[in-house]
Amino acid sequence: MISPISAGTVVDAVTLADSGSCFNYFDRPLYNVSGNNLFDLGFSIEYKIDWLRAYVNFVKNLGSVELSTQDYVAVRGDRSDPDILDPQPYRNSVPVVDGVIYGGDKALKSRDYTGWMVDAGVYYYCGPWTLNIGGFYTSGPEMKTYTLPVAISSGVTVGGKEVYFDSLYDISWKAVDINDDISWFTYPHAGPSKQTSEIMGGAVFDTGNFPGSYGYDGANFYRGYPAPTNVWTITAGAAWQAMPKTKLYLSYWYWGTSTPVMSEAQIATVDYYGFPRDIVIGQKFARCIGNEIDFGVTQGIWDGLNLDVVFAYMLTGDAYANSWNGSFLNPVNYEKDDAWKFGARLQWDF
C-alpha cells in the first residue's frame, strides 16, 4: 500500500511555550514573535503481506516565523577605567555592560522551518512469533560557539556600577545560532505522537520521564515523547503469543542525539582574591543518551479487559542529562543515575 503525499498547515503554539523545556527557542534569545506558520509535507509508504510488513514515513518542516533577535550579556570592559574602580581597586576588575554580541538587532527577522524526520521499520511474522527492526531520525539544531569573558561579582558597587572580578578566563559557550533557520525537527502537535520505547517514547503508559539536556537558555536540547527532536534511535525486538490471551515481548533501543548536547560543565580553578575557586569555563558535549531494554506481558482477563505489566531499564549515556548544577562559581557536576520504569495497567475496551 502506498499512501498519497499529504500536506497541511498548523500554527505550532507549543513551540512558543514551556520556558525551560526544549520548546523555549523564543523564550529569551528570540522573542517578540509577530507570526508563526508551520507547514508539514511528507509521505508514507507501506508494504504488507501475510508474513511481512515494511514501512517508511518522512516529514519535512516548511514555513517560517517572524521574530526579533536581541540579547544582552556581559562583555569585557576597560580594566583601567577609574570611574568603576574601588579606592583600593581589585586587580583586573571588569564592569558588566549591555552589549549585543549575538548579532541581534530590533528589526524583525524571518526564520525558516527546515527540520525533518524519517521513520522506518520491518515486522516479520512467524507463527506465534513477531520479530521487528526499525528506527527513526529527527534533525537537530545548528550550533555556534560564543566566547565570553568570565566575570565574578566582587560585591562592591562604585558609581552605581557593580565591580566584577575578571577571572582572566574566556568561556566558550555553544548554543543555537540564532541567525540560522530553525533546523531541528518541530513536531506539529496536530496529530498522534510517535510512540516508541517505554522510557523515551510513551509506549504503554503514554509518558516520557527523561530529563532532556540543555545548554544556554535551554537552546541546546533533545526530546523524545511526545514531540521528538534532535534524537534518533535504532531498535530490535520480539513478541511471543504464548497462549491465546497471553503475550510477552522484549525490545532493545539505542538512543542518541543528532547534534551533540551539553552533558556537563568544563571546570577550571582560578585565584579569587588569594583563594582558589572553581569556575565554569566551557561545556562538555555528548551524543549517547543510552541503551534501553523493555520487557512486558499483556494478559487478557476477559473480552475487552487486559492487564499490561511493563519493566524498562536504561543504561544512561553522557547525553541523557546535563549534570551541571547551574552555578558558574563553585560549580558541581552531579553523578548520573540509570533510568528505570515499572508499572501495570488495567485497560477495558468497550
C-alpha atoms as a PDB file:
ATOM      1  CA  MET A   1       0.000   0.000   0.000  1.00  0.00           C
ATOM      2  CA  ILE A   2       1.357   3.410  -0.951  1.00  0.00           C
ATOM      3  CA  SER A   3      -0.229   6.371   0.787  1.00  0.00           C
ATOM      4  CA  PRO A   4      -0.578   9.621  -1.169  1.00  0.00           C
ATOM      5  CA  ILE A   5       1.623  12.580  -0.349  1.00  0.00           C
ATOM      6  CA  SER A   6      -0.111  14.734   2.227  1.00  0.00           C
ATOM      7  CA  ALA A   7       0.325  18.351   3.261  1.00  0.00           C
ATOM      8  CA  GLY A   8      -1.166  20.549   5.947  1.00  0.00           C
ATOM      9  CA  THR A   9      -0.723  23.756   7.883  1.00  0.00           C
ATOM     10  CA  VAL A  10      -0.621  24.382  11.601  1.00  0.00           C
ATOM     11  CA  VAL A  11       0.466  27.152  13.928  1.00  0.00           C
ATOM     12  CA  ASP A  12       2.686  25.395  16.441  1.00  0.00           C
ATOM     13  CA  ALA A  13       1.725  27.174  19.651  1.00  0.00           C
ATOM     14  CA  VAL A  14       3.684  24.705  21.771  1.00  0.00           C
ATOM     15  CA  THR A  15       6.923  25.967  20.229  1.00  0.00           C
ATOM     16  CA  LEU A  16       6.233  29.333  21.844  1.00  0.00           C
ATOM     17  CA  ALA A  17       5.605  27.999  25.341  1.00  0.00           C
ATOM     18  CA  ASP A  18       7.122  25.986  28.180  1.00  0.00           C
ATOM     19  CA  SER A  19      10.092  28.062  29.278  1.00  0.00           C
ATOM     20  CA  GLY A  20      12.925  25.833  30.402  1.00  0.00           C
ATOM     21  CA  SER A  21      11.979  22.970  28.128  1.00  0.00           C
ATOM     22  CA  CYS A  22      13.259  22.252  24.670  1.00  0.00           C
ATOM     23  CA  PHE A  23      10.461  24.384  23.230  1.00  0.00           C
ATOM     24  CA  ASN A  24      11.874  27.680  24.510  1.00  0.00           C
ATOM     25  CA  TYR A  25      13.591  28.797  21.307  1.00  0.00           C
ATOM     26  CA  PHE A  26      11.569  32.010  21.576  1.00  0.00           C
ATOM     27  CA  ASP A  27      11.930  32.334  25.350  1.00  0.00           C
ATOM     28  CA  ARG A  28      14.891  34.665  25.763  1.00  0.00           C
ATOM     29  CA  PRO A  29      17.328  34.889  22.860  1.00  0.00           C
ATOM     30  CA  LEU A  30      14.443  35.217  20.406  1.00  0.00           C
ATOM     31  CA  TYR A  31      11.183  36.902  21.261  1.00  0.00           C
ATOM     32  CA  ASN A  32       8.523  39.367  20.036  1.00  0.00           C
ATOM     33  CA  VAL A  33       7.012  36.829  17.664  1.00  0.00           C
ATOM     34  CA  SER A  34       4.692  38.513  15.184  1.00  0.00           C
ATOM     35  CA  GLY A  35       3.739  35.497  13.108  1.00  0.00           C
ATOM     36  CA  ASN A  36       4.359  31.759  13.236  1.00  0.00           C
ATOM     37  CA  ASN A  37       3.349  29.435  10.407  1.00  0.00           C
ATOM     38  CA  LEU A  38       4.491  25.836  10.253  1.00  0.00           C
ATOM     39  CA  PHE A  39       3.720  23.632   7.243  1.00  0.00           C
ATOM     40  CA  ASP A  40       4.484  19.924   7.042  1.00  0.00           C
ATOM     41  CA  LEU A  41       4.920  17.978   3.814  1.00  0.00           C
ATOM     42  CA  GLY A  42       5.547  14.257   3.860  1.00  0.00           C
ATOM     43  CA  PHE A  43       4.817  10.800   2.556  1.00  0.00           C
ATOM     44  CA  SER A  44       4.101   7.334   3.926  1.00  0.00           C
ATOM     45  CA  ILE A  45       4.854   4.074   2.100  1.00  0.00           C
ATOM     46  CA  GLU A  46       3.824   0.662   3.418  1.00  0.00           C
ATOM     47  CA  TYR A  47       4.214  -2.854   2.029  1.00  0.00           C
ATOM     48  CA  LYS A  48       2.301  -5.696   3.681  1.00  0.00           C
ATOM     49  CA  ILE A  49       1.802  -9.405   3.010  1.00  0.00           C
ATOM     50  CA  ASP A  50       0.816 -12.289   5.289  1.00  0.00           C
ATOM     51  CA  TRP A  51       4.243 -12.749   6.885  1.00  0.00           C
ATOM     52  CA  LEU A  52       5.872  -9.332   6.406  1.00  0.00           C
ATOM     53  CA  ARG A  53       5.164  -5.641   6.915  1.00  0.00           C
ATOM     54  CA  ALA A  54       7.558  -2.805   6.000  1.00  0.00           C
ATOM     55  CA  TYR A  55       7.033   0.943   6.119  1.00  0.00           C
ATOM     56  CA  VAL A  56       8.807   4.265   5.569  1.00  0.00           C
ATOM     57  CA  ASN A  57       7.495   7.645   6.737  1.00  0.00           C
ATOM     58  CA  PHE A  58       9.037  11.045   6.009  1.00  0.00           C
ATOM     59  CA  VAL A  59       8.053  14.538   7.205  1.00  0.00           C
ATOM     60  CA  LYS A  60       9.628  17.872   6.196  1.00  0.00           C
ATOM     61  CA  ASN A  61       9.037  21.132   8.087  1.00  0.00           C
ATOM     62  CA  LEU A  62       8.260  24.145   5.909  1.00  0.00           C
ATOM     63  CA  GLY A  63       7.085  27.677   6.620  1.00  0.00           C
ATOM     64  CA  SER A  64       8.621  30.453   8.687  1.00  0.00           C
ATOM     65  CA  VAL A  65       8.304  32.560  11.817  1.00  0.00           C
ATOM     66  CA  GLU A  66       8.690  36.339  12.122  1.00  0.00           C
ATOM     67  CA  LEU A  67      10.597  37.474  15.214  1.00  0.00           C
ATOM     68  CA  SER A  68      13.226  39.839  16.573  1.00  0.00           C
ATOM     69  CA  THR A  69      16.696  38.775  17.670  1.00  0.00           C
ATOM     70  CA  GLN A  70      18.240  40.617  20.555  1.00  0.00           C
ATOM     71  CA  ASP A  71      20.137  39.551  23.652  1.00  0.00           C
ATOM     72  CA  TYR A  72      22.357  41.332  26.150  1.00  0.00           C
ATOM     73  CA  VAL A  73      25.260  39.767  28.004  1.00  0.00           C
ATOM     74  CA  ALA A  74      28.399  40.869  29.845  1.00  0.00           C
ATOM     75  CA  VAL A  75      31.372  41.967  27.754  1.00  0.00           C
ATOM     76  CA  ARG A  76      34.866  42.760  28.990  1.00  0.00           C
ATOM     77  CA  GLY A  77      35.298  46.439  29.805  1.00  0.00           C
ATOM     78  CA  ASP A  78      38.285  48.737  30.259  1.00  0.00           C
ATOM     79  CA  ARG A  79      40.244  47.424  33.226  1.00  0.00           C
ATOM     80  CA  SER A  80      41.839  50.832  33.884  1.00  0.00           C
ATOM     81  CA  ASP A  81      38.618  52.885  33.935  1.00  0.00           C
ATOM     82  CA  PRO A  82      38.886  54.944  37.174  1.00  0.00           C
ATOM     83  CA  ASP A  83      35.134  55.583  37.301  1.00  0.00           C
ATOM     84  CA  ILE A  84      34.363  51.977  38.160  1.00  0.00           C
ATOM     85  CA  LEU A  85      37.275  51.049  40.388  1.00  0.00           C
ATOM     86  CA  ASP A  86      37.212  50.915  44.153  1.00  0.00           C
ATOM     87  CA  PRO A  87      39.663  53.228  46.019  1.00  0.00           C
ATOM     88  CA  GLN A  88      41.551  50.020  46.657  1.00  0.00           C
ATOM     89  CA  PRO A  89      40.985  48.567  43.223  1.00  0.00           C
ATOM     90  CA  TYR A  90      40.585  44.900  42.614  1.00  0.00           C
ATOM     91  CA  ARG A  91      43.078  43.524  40.173  1.00  0.00           C
ATOM     92  CA  ASN A  92      41.604  43.065  36.717  1.00  0.00           C
ATOM     93  CA  SER A  93      38.183  44.406  37.656  1.00  0.00           C
ATOM     94  CA  VAL A  94      35.629  44.474  34.880  1.00  0.00           C
ATOM     95  CA  PRO A  95      32.211  46.154  34.668  1.00  0.00           C
ATOM     96  CA  VAL A  96      29.127  44.492  33.305  1.00  0.00           C
ATOM     97  CA  VAL A  97      27.800  46.481  30.365  1.00  0.00           C
ATOM     98  CA  ASP A  98      24.981  45.920  27.927  1.00  0.00           C
ATOM     99  CA  GLY A  99      26.423  44.738  24.649  1.00  0.00           C
ATOM    100  CA  VAL A 100      24.672  42.941  21.829  1.00  0.00           C
ATOM    101  CA  ILE A 101      27.140  40.191  20.994  1.00  0.00           C
ATOM    102  CA  TYR A 102      24.857  37.668  19.340  1.00  0.00           C
ATOM    103  CA  GLY A 103      24.448  39.681  16.170  1.00  0.00           C
ATOM    104  CA  GLY A 104      20.935  40.656  17.134  1.00  0.00           C
ATOM    105  CA  ASP A 105      19.005  43.810  16.402  1.00  0.00           C
ATOM    106  CA  LYS A 106      15.479  45.090  16.937  1.00  0.00           C
ATOM    107  CA  ALA A 107      14.376  44.622  13.333  1.00  0.00           C
ATOM    108  CA  LEU A 108      12.010  41.762  12.658  1.00  0.00           C
ATOM    109  CA  LYS A 109      13.672  38.730  11.138  1.00  0.00           C
ATOM    110  CA  SER A 110      12.341  35.693   9.346  1.00  0.00           C
ATOM    111  CA  ARG A 111      13.455  32.186  10.274  1.00  0.00           C
ATOM    112  CA  ASP A 112      12.501  29.264   8.064  1.00  0.00           C
ATOM    113  CA  TYR A 113      11.493  25.850   9.391  1.00  0.00           C
ATOM    114  CA  THR A 114      13.890  23.347   7.779  1.00  0.00           C
ATOM    115  CA  GLY A 115      13.736  20.334  10.113  1.00  0.00           C
ATOM    116  CA  TRP A 116      12.837  16.810   9.040  1.00  0.00           C
ATOM    117  CA  MET A 117      12.087  13.318  10.328  1.00  0.00           C
ATOM    118  CA  VAL A 118      12.355   9.856   8.774  1.00  0.00           C
ATOM    119  CA  ASP A 119      10.882   6.705  10.325  1.00  0.00           C
ATOM    120  CA  ALA A 120      11.217   3.133   9.008  1.00  0.00           C
ATOM    121  CA  GLY A 121      10.708  -0.426  10.187  1.00  0.00           C
ATOM    122  CA  VAL A 122      10.142  -4.073   9.261  1.00  0.00           C
ATOM    123  CA  TYR A 123       7.954  -6.686  11.007  1.00  0.00           C
ATOM    124  CA  TYR A 124       8.327 -10.426  10.346  1.00  0.00           C
ATOM    125  CA  TYR A 125       5.509 -12.779  11.394  1.00  0.00           C
ATOM    126  CA  CYS A 126       6.244 -16.461  12.034  1.00  0.00           C
ATOM    127  CA  GLY A 127       3.568 -18.438  13.875  1.00  0.00           C
ATOM    128  CA  PRO A 128       3.322 -17.185  17.463  1.00  0.00           C
ATOM    129  CA  TRP A 129       6.427 -15.008  16.978  1.00  0.00           C
ATOM    130  CA  THR A 130       6.777 -11.453  15.694  1.00  0.00           C
ATOM    131  CA  LEU A 131      10.242 -10.026  15.066  1.00  0.00           C
ATOM    132  CA  ASN A 132      10.940  -6.388  14.277  1.00  0.00           C
ATOM    133  CA  ILE A 133      13.752  -3.963  13.485  1.00  0.00           C
ATOM    134  CA  GLY A 134      13.491  -0.241  12.832  1.00  0.00           C
ATOM    135  CA  GLY A 135      14.191   3.249  13.999  1.00  0.00           C
ATOM    136  CA  PHE A 136      13.759   6.924  13.277  1.00  0.00           C
ATOM    137  CA  TYR A 137      15.863  10.082  12.943  1.00  0.00           C
ATOM    138  CA  THR A 138      14.976  13.711  13.644  1.00  0.00           C
ATOM    139  CA  SER A 139      17.188  16.630  12.675  1.00  0.00           C
ATOM    140  CA  GLY A 140      18.892  18.760  15.322  1.00  0.00           C
ATOM    141  CA  PRO A 141      19.859  22.434  15.670  1.00  0.00           C
ATOM    142  CA  GLU A 142      22.767  24.194  14.010  1.00  0.00           C
ATOM    143  CA  MET A 143      25.180  25.228  16.750  1.00  0.00           C
ATOM    144  CA  LYS A 144      27.553  28.175  17.116  1.00  0.00           C
ATOM    145  CA  THR A 145      30.324  28.802  19.646  1.00  0.00           C
ATOM    146  CA  TYR A 146      30.262  32.124  21.505  1.00  0.00           C
ATOM    147  CA  THR A 147      33.236  33.372  23.525  1.00  0.00           C
ATOM    148  CA  LEU A 148      32.540  35.479  26.641  1.00  0.00           C
ATOM    149  CA  PRO A 149      34.698  36.756  29.490  1.00  0.00           C
ATOM    150  CA  VAL A 150      34.113  35.040  32.814  1.00  0.00           C
ATOM    151  CA  ALA A 151      33.392  37.791  35.353  1.00  0.00           C
ATOM    152  CA  ILE A 152      32.731  37.108  39.049  1.00  0.00           C
ATOM    153  CA  SER A 153      30.902  39.628  41.238  1.00  0.00           C
ATOM    154  CA  SER A 154      33.092  41.391  43.821  1.00  0.00           C
ATOM    155  CA  GLY A 155      30.107  42.528  45.884  1.00  0.00           C
ATOM    156  CA  VAL A 156      31.284  46.167  45.542  1.00  0.00           C
ATOM    157  CA  THR A 157      29.331  48.913  43.782  1.00  0.00           C
ATOM    158  CA  VAL A 158      31.159  52.094  42.695  1.00  0.00           C
ATOM    159  CA  GLY A 159      29.418  54.966  40.949  1.00  0.00           C
ATOM    160  CA  GLY A 160      26.273  52.923  40.598  1.00  0.00           C
ATOM    161  CA  LYS A 161      28.133  50.166  38.782  1.00  0.00           C
ATOM    162  CA  GLU A 162      28.968  46.783  40.221  1.00  0.00           C
ATOM    163  CA  VAL A 163      32.638  45.844  40.056  1.00  0.00           C
ATOM    164  CA  TYR A 164      33.361  42.356  38.819  1.00  0.00           C
ATOM    165  CA  PHE A 165      36.489  40.284  39.285  1.00  0.00           C
ATOM    166  CA  ASP A 166      37.922  39.229  35.929  1.00  0.00           C
ATOM    167  CA  SER A 167      38.820  35.558  36.112  1.00  0.00           C
ATOM    168  CA  LEU A 168      41.135  36.038  33.101  1.00  0.00           C
ATOM    169  CA  TYR A 169      39.298  33.126  31.512  1.00  0.00           C
ATOM    170  CA  ASP A 170      37.128  33.320  28.435  1.00  0.00           C
ATOM    171  CA  ILE A 171      34.255  30.896  28.415  1.00  0.00           C
ATOM    172  CA  SER A 172      33.493  29.139  25.154  1.00  0.00           C
ATOM    173  CA  TRP A 173      29.763  28.553  25.120  1.00  0.00           C
ATOM    174  CA  LYS A 174      27.971  26.645  22.410  1.00  0.00           C
ATOM    175  CA  ALA A 175      24.327  27.439  21.673  1.00  0.00           C
ATOM    176  CA  VAL A 176      21.861  27.585  18.808  1.00  0.00           C
ATOM    177  CA  ASP A 177      22.932  30.016  16.100  1.00  0.00           C
ATOM    178  CA  ILE A 178      20.061  32.482  16.276  1.00  0.00           C
ATOM    179  CA  ASN A 179      20.912  33.875  12.853  1.00  0.00           C
ATOM    180  CA  ASP A 180      20.262  30.463  11.325  1.00  0.00           C
ATOM    181  CA  ASP A 181      16.996  28.807  10.403  1.00  0.00           C
ATOM    182  CA  ILE A 182      15.047  26.510  12.734  1.00  0.00           C
ATOM    183  CA  SER A 183      16.892  23.420  11.577  1.00  0.00           C
ATOM    184  CA  TRP A 184      15.694  20.973  14.232  1.00  0.00           C
ATOM    185  CA  PHE A 185      12.554  18.971  13.626  1.00  0.00           C
ATOM    186  CA  THR A 186       9.497  20.738  15.005  1.00  0.00           C
ATOM    187  CA  TYR A 187       6.710  18.323  15.864  1.00  0.00           C
ATOM    188  CA  PRO A 188       3.394  19.938  14.916  1.00  0.00           C
ATOM    189  CA  HIS A 189       1.296  18.625  17.840  1.00  0.00           C
ATOM    190  CA  ALA A 190      -1.570  18.295  15.388  1.00  0.00           C
ATOM    191  CA  GLY A 191      -1.897  14.518  15.290  1.00  0.00           C
ATOM    192  CA  PRO A 192      -0.835  11.322  17.049  1.00  0.00           C
ATOM    193  CA  SER A 193       2.575  11.360  18.707  1.00  0.00           C
ATOM    194  CA  LYS A 194       5.339   8.945  17.788  1.00  0.00           C
ATOM    195  CA  GLN A 195       5.230   6.235  20.471  1.00  0.00           C
ATOM    196  CA  THR A 196       8.298   4.050  20.825  1.00  0.00           C
ATOM    197  CA  SER A 197      10.051   2.701  23.930  1.00  0.00           C
ATOM    198  CA  GLU A 198       8.750   2.956  27.476  1.00  0.00           C
ATOM    199  CA  ILE A 199      11.271   5.384  28.971  1.00  0.00           C
ATOM    200  CA  MET A 200      11.865   7.629  25.960  1.00  0.00           C
ATOM    201  CA  GLY A 201       8.820   7.113  23.838  1.00  0.00           C
ATOM    202  CA  GLY A 202       5.496   6.951  25.672  1.00  0.00           C
ATOM    203  CA  ALA A 203       4.659   3.313  24.902  1.00  0.00           C
ATOM    204  CA  VAL A 204       2.166   1.617  27.253  1.00  0.00           C
ATOM    205  CA  PHE A 205       1.946   4.327  29.904  1.00  0.00           C
ATOM    206  CA  ASP A 206       1.871   7.266  27.478  1.00  0.00           C
ATOM    207  CA  THR A 207       4.614   9.169  29.328  1.00  0.00           C
ATOM    208  CA  GLY A 208       8.197  10.254  28.799  1.00  0.00           C
ATOM    209  CA  ASN A 209      10.131  10.534  32.058  1.00  0.00           C
ATOM    210  CA  PHE A 210      13.522  11.626  30.715  1.00  0.00           C
ATOM    211  CA  PRO A 211      15.111  14.933  31.791  1.00  0.00           C
ATOM    212  CA  GLY A 212      16.323  16.170  28.432  1.00  0.00           C
ATOM    213  CA  SER A 213      19.599  18.019  28.142  1.00  0.00           C
ATOM    214  CA  TYR A 214      20.177  21.682  27.514  1.00  0.00           C
ATOM    215  CA  GLY A 215      22.751  24.452  27.480  1.00  0.00           C
ATOM    216  CA  TYR A 216      22.381  28.224  27.232  1.00  0.00           C
ATOM    217  CA  ASP A 217      18.732  29.157  27.791  1.00  0.00           C
ATOM    218  CA  GLY A 218      17.714  25.589  27.118  1.00  0.00           C
ATOM    219  CA  ALA A 219      18.510  26.064  23.452  1.00  0.00           C
ATOM    220  CA  ASN A 220      20.766  23.021  23.171  1.00  0.00           C
ATOM    221  CA  PHE A 221      18.352  20.172  23.629  1.00  0.00           C
ATOM    222  CA  TYR A 222      16.821  16.878  22.651  1.00  0.00           C
ATOM    223  CA  ARG A 223      13.400  15.435  23.293  1.00  0.00           C
ATOM    224  CA  GLY A 224      11.707  12.060  22.962  1.00  0.00           C
ATOM    225  CA  TYR A 225       7.974  11.644  23.596  1.00  0.00           C
ATOM    226  CA  PRO A 226       5.614  13.281  22.723  1.00  0.00           C
ATOM    227  CA  ALA A 227       7.427  15.569  20.267  1.00  0.00           C
ATOM    228  CA  PRO A 228      10.760  14.033  19.210  1.00  0.00           C
ATOM    229  CA  THR A 229      13.507  16.386  18.072  1.00  0.00           C
ATOM    230  CA  ASN A 230      17.298  16.158  17.845  1.00  0.00           C
ATOM    231  CA  VAL A 231      17.025  12.462  18.647  1.00  0.00           C
ATOM    232  CA  TRP A 232      17.418   9.167  16.808  1.00  0.00           C
ATOM    233  CA  THR A 233      17.018   5.513  17.666  1.00  0.00           C
ATOM    234  CA  ILE A 234      17.508   2.003  16.335  1.00  0.00           C
ATOM    235  CA  THR A 235      15.538  -0.896  17.771  1.00  0.00           C
ATOM    236  CA  ALA A 236      15.139  -4.658  17.569  1.00  0.00           C
ATOM    237  CA  GLY A 237      12.504  -6.698  19.334  1.00  0.00           C
ATOM    238  CA  ALA A 238      10.462  -9.860  19.544  1.00  0.00           C
ATOM    239  CA  ALA A 239       6.959 -10.731  20.724  1.00  0.00           C
ATOM    240  CA  TRP A 240       5.640 -14.207  21.593  1.00  0.00           C
ATOM    241  CA  GLN A 241       1.970 -15.130  21.709  1.00  0.00           C
ATOM    242  CA  ALA A 242       2.470 -17.785  24.381  1.00  0.00           C
ATOM    243  CA  MET A 243      -1.272 -18.504  24.794  1.00  0.00           C
ATOM    244  CA  PRO A 244      -4.408 -17.086  23.196  1.00  0.00           C
ATOM    245  CA  LYS A 245      -4.660 -14.407  25.888  1.00  0.00           C
ATOM    246  CA  THR A 246      -1.002 -14.142  26.934  1.00  0.00           C
ATOM    247  CA  LYS A 247       1.628 -12.175  25.020  1.00  0.00           C
ATOM    248  CA  LEU A 248       5.231 -11.469  26.062  1.00  0.00           C
ATOM    249  CA  TYR A 249       7.574  -9.024  24.356  1.00  0.00           C
ATOM    250  CA  LEU A 250      11.168  -7.845  24.656  1.00  0.00           C
ATOM    251  CA  SER A 251      12.783  -4.912  22.850  1.00  0.00           C
ATOM    252  CA  TYR A 252      16.152  -3.150  22.730  1.00  0.00           C
ATOM    253  CA  TRP A 253      16.597   0.549  21.899  1.00  0.00           C
ATOM    254  CA  TYR A 254      19.723   2.591  21.341  1.00  0.00           C
ATOM    255  CA  TRP A 255      19.098   6.331  21.736  1.00  0.00           C
ATOM    256  CA  GLY A 256      21.360   9.147  20.562  1.00  0.00           C
ATOM    257  CA  THR A 257      21.207  12.816  19.615  1.00  0.00           C
ATOM    258  CA  SER A 258      21.601  14.147  16.083  1.00  0.00           C
ATOM    259  CA  THR A 259      23.505  17.204  17.345  1.00  0.00           C
ATOM    260  CA  PRO A 260      25.649  16.836  20.496  1.00  0.00           C
ATOM    261  CA  VAL A 261      24.094  18.217  23.686  1.00  0.00           C
ATOM    262  CA  MET A 262      25.707  19.544  26.842  1.00  0.00           C
ATOM    263  CA  SER A 263      26.491  16.760  29.289  1.00  0.00           C
ATOM    264  CA  GLU A 264      28.419  18.642  31.993  1.00  0.00           C
ATOM    265  CA  ALA A 265      30.399  21.800  32.690  1.00  0.00           C
ATOM    266  CA  GLN A 266      34.094  22.221  31.990  1.00  0.00           C
ATOM    267  CA  ILE A 267      35.655  23.472  35.240  1.00  0.00           C
ATOM    268  CA  ALA A 268      38.882  25.382  35.989  1.00  0.00           C
ATOM    269  CA  THR A 269      40.400  26.699  39.241  1.00  0.00           C
ATOM    270  CA  VAL A 270      41.274  30.428  39.496  1.00  0.00           C
ATOM    271  CA  ASP A 271      42.842  32.711  42.097  1.00  0.00           C
ATOM    272  CA  TYR A 272      39.886  34.525  43.700  1.00  0.00           C
ATOM    273  CA  TYR A 273      41.390  37.222  45.968  1.00  0.00           C
ATOM    274  CA  GLY A 274      44.013  34.835  47.225  1.00  0.00           C
ATOM    275  CA  PHE A 275      41.698  31.834  47.466  1.00  0.00           C
ATOM    276  CA  PRO A 276      41.304  29.046  44.901  1.00  0.00           C
ATOM    277  CA  ARG A 277      37.830  28.898  43.400  1.00  0.00           C
ATOM    278  CA  ASP A 278      36.370  26.644  40.751  1.00  0.00           C
ATOM    279  CA  ILE A 279      34.585  28.325  37.844  1.00  0.00           C
ATOM    280  CA  VAL A 280      32.908  27.163  34.645  1.00  0.00           C
ATOM    281  CA  ILE A 281      34.950  27.865  31.520  1.00  0.00           C
ATOM    282  CA  GLY A 282      33.050  25.796  28.986  1.00  0.00           C
ATOM    283  CA  GLN A 283      30.857  22.833  28.220  1.00  0.00           C
ATOM    284  CA  LYS A 284      31.369  19.156  27.551  1.00  0.00           C
ATOM    285  CA  PHE A 285      29.144  17.576  24.927  1.00  0.00           C
ATOM    286  CA  ALA A 286      27.919  14.074  24.182  1.00  0.00           C
ATOM    287  CA  ARG A 287      25.628  12.195  21.789  1.00  0.00           C
ATOM    288  CA  CYS A 288      24.805   8.923  23.585  1.00  0.00           C
ATOM    289  CA  ILE A 289      21.513   9.093  25.509  1.00  0.00           C
ATOM    290  CA  GLY A 290      21.543   5.456  26.484  1.00  0.00           C
ATOM    291  CA  ASN A 291      20.710   1.808  25.880  1.00  0.00           C
ATOM    292  CA  GLU A 292      17.172   0.824  26.847  1.00  0.00           C
ATOM    293  CA  ILE A 293      15.623  -2.619  27.298  1.00  0.00           C
ATOM    294  CA  ASP A 294      11.858  -3.068  27.684  1.00  0.00           C
ATOM    295  CA  PHE A 295      10.057  -6.217  28.801  1.00  0.00           C
ATOM    296  CA  GLY A 296       6.307  -6.575  29.029  1.00  0.00           C
ATOM    297  CA  VAL A 297       3.436  -9.014  29.426  1.00  0.00           C
ATOM    298  CA  THR A 298      -0.102  -8.494  28.164  1.00  0.00           C
ATOM    299  CA  GLN A 299      -2.680 -10.790  29.774  1.00  0.00           C
ATOM    300  CA  GLY A 300      -6.268 -10.951  28.634  1.00  0.00           C
ATOM    301  CA  ILE A 301      -8.704 -11.372  31.527  1.00  0.00           C
ATOM    302  CA  TRP A 302     -11.951 -11.411  29.612  1.00  0.00           C
ATOM    303  CA  ASP A 303     -13.246  -9.822  26.433  1.00  0.00           C
ATOM    304  CA  GLY A 304     -12.132  -6.195  26.342  1.00  0.00           C
ATOM    305  CA  LEU A 305     -10.258  -6.301  29.678  1.00  0.00           C
ATOM    306  CA  ASN A 306      -6.458  -6.597  29.542  1.00  0.00           C
ATOM    307  CA  LEU A 307      -3.663  -6.315  32.094  1.00  0.00           C
ATOM    308  CA  ASP A 308      -0.272  -4.930  30.980  1.00  0.00           C
ATOM    309  CA  VAL A 309       2.817  -5.291  33.177  1.00  0.00           C
ATOM    310  CA  VAL A 310       5.950  -3.490  31.967  1.00  0.00           C
ATOM    311  CA  PHE A 311       9.541  -3.159  33.168  1.00  0.00           C
ATOM    312  CA  ALA A 312      12.051  -0.905  31.399  1.00  0.00           C
ATOM    313  CA  TYR A 313      15.676  -0.127  32.205  1.00  0.00           C
ATOM    314  CA  MET A 314      18.091   2.297  30.552  1.00  0.00           C
ATOM    315  CA  LEU A 315      21.865   2.335  30.916  1.00  0.00           C
ATOM    316  CA  THR A 316      22.147   6.085  30.544  1.00  0.00           C
ATOM    317  CA  GLY A 317      24.851   7.762  28.487  1.00  0.00           C
ATOM    318  CA  ASP A 318      26.518  11.126  28.968  1.00  0.00           C
ATOM    319  CA  ALA A 319      23.887  12.924  26.875  1.00  0.00           C
ATOM    320  CA  TYR A 320      20.927  11.652  28.925  1.00  0.00           C
ATOM    321  CA  ALA A 321      21.040  14.659  31.254  1.00  0.00           C
ATOM    322  CA  ASN A 322      23.061  17.793  31.844  1.00  0.00           C
ATOM    323  CA  SER A 323      24.700  17.062  35.202  1.00  0.00           C
ATOM    324  CA  TRP A 324      25.872  20.636  35.840  1.00  0.00           C
ATOM    325  CA  ASN A 325      24.152  22.285  38.826  1.00  0.00           C
ATOM    326  CA  GLY A 326      23.896  25.647  37.024  1.00  0.00           C
ATOM    327  CA  SER A 327      26.370  27.574  39.169  1.00  0.00           C
ATOM    328  CA  PHE A 328      29.269  29.336  37.428  1.00  0.00           C
ATOM    329  CA  LEU A 329      31.119  29.859  40.734  1.00  0.00           C
ATOM    330  CA  ASN A 330      31.970  26.658  42.632  1.00  0.00           C
ATOM    331  CA  PRO A 331      30.126  24.504  40.085  1.00  0.00           C
ATOM    332  CA  VAL A 332      29.287  20.840  40.581  1.00  0.00           C
ATOM    333  CA  ASN A 333      28.757  18.078  38.036  1.00  0.00           C
ATOM    334  CA  TYR A 334      26.443  15.509  39.596  1.00  0.00           C
ATOM    335  CA  GLU A 335      26.579  11.777  39.019  1.00  0.00           C
ATOM    336  CA  LYS A 336      24.044  10.446  36.516  1.00  0.00           C
ATOM    337  CA  ASP A 337      21.884   7.520  37.529  1.00  0.00           C
ATOM    338  CA  ASP A 338      20.422   4.910  35.237  1.00  0.00           C
ATOM    339  CA  ALA A 339      16.704   5.224  34.490  1.00  0.00           C
ATOM    340  CA  TRP A 340      14.029   2.594  35.001  1.00  0.00           C
ATOM    341  CA  LYS A 341      10.277   2.222  34.997  1.00  0.00           C
ATOM    342  CA  PHE A 342       7.934  -0.442  36.347  1.00  0.00           C
ATOM    343  CA  GLY A 343       4.178  -0.384  36.217  1.00  0.00           C
ATOM    344  CA  ALA A 344       0.911  -2.110  35.467  1.00  0.00           C
ATOM    345  CA  ARG A 345      -2.157  -1.007  33.530  1.00  0.00           C
ATOM    346  CA  LEU A 346      -5.648  -2.471  33.593  1.00  0.00           C
ATOM    347  CA  GLN A 347      -7.488  -1.401  30.450  1.00  0.00           C
ATOM    348  CA  TRP A 348     -11.062  -2.084  29.479  1.00  0.00           C
ATOM    349  CA  ASP A 349     -12.083  -1.531  25.873  1.00  0.00           C
ATOM    350  CA  PHE A 350     -15.825  -1.357  25.397  1.00  0.00           C
END
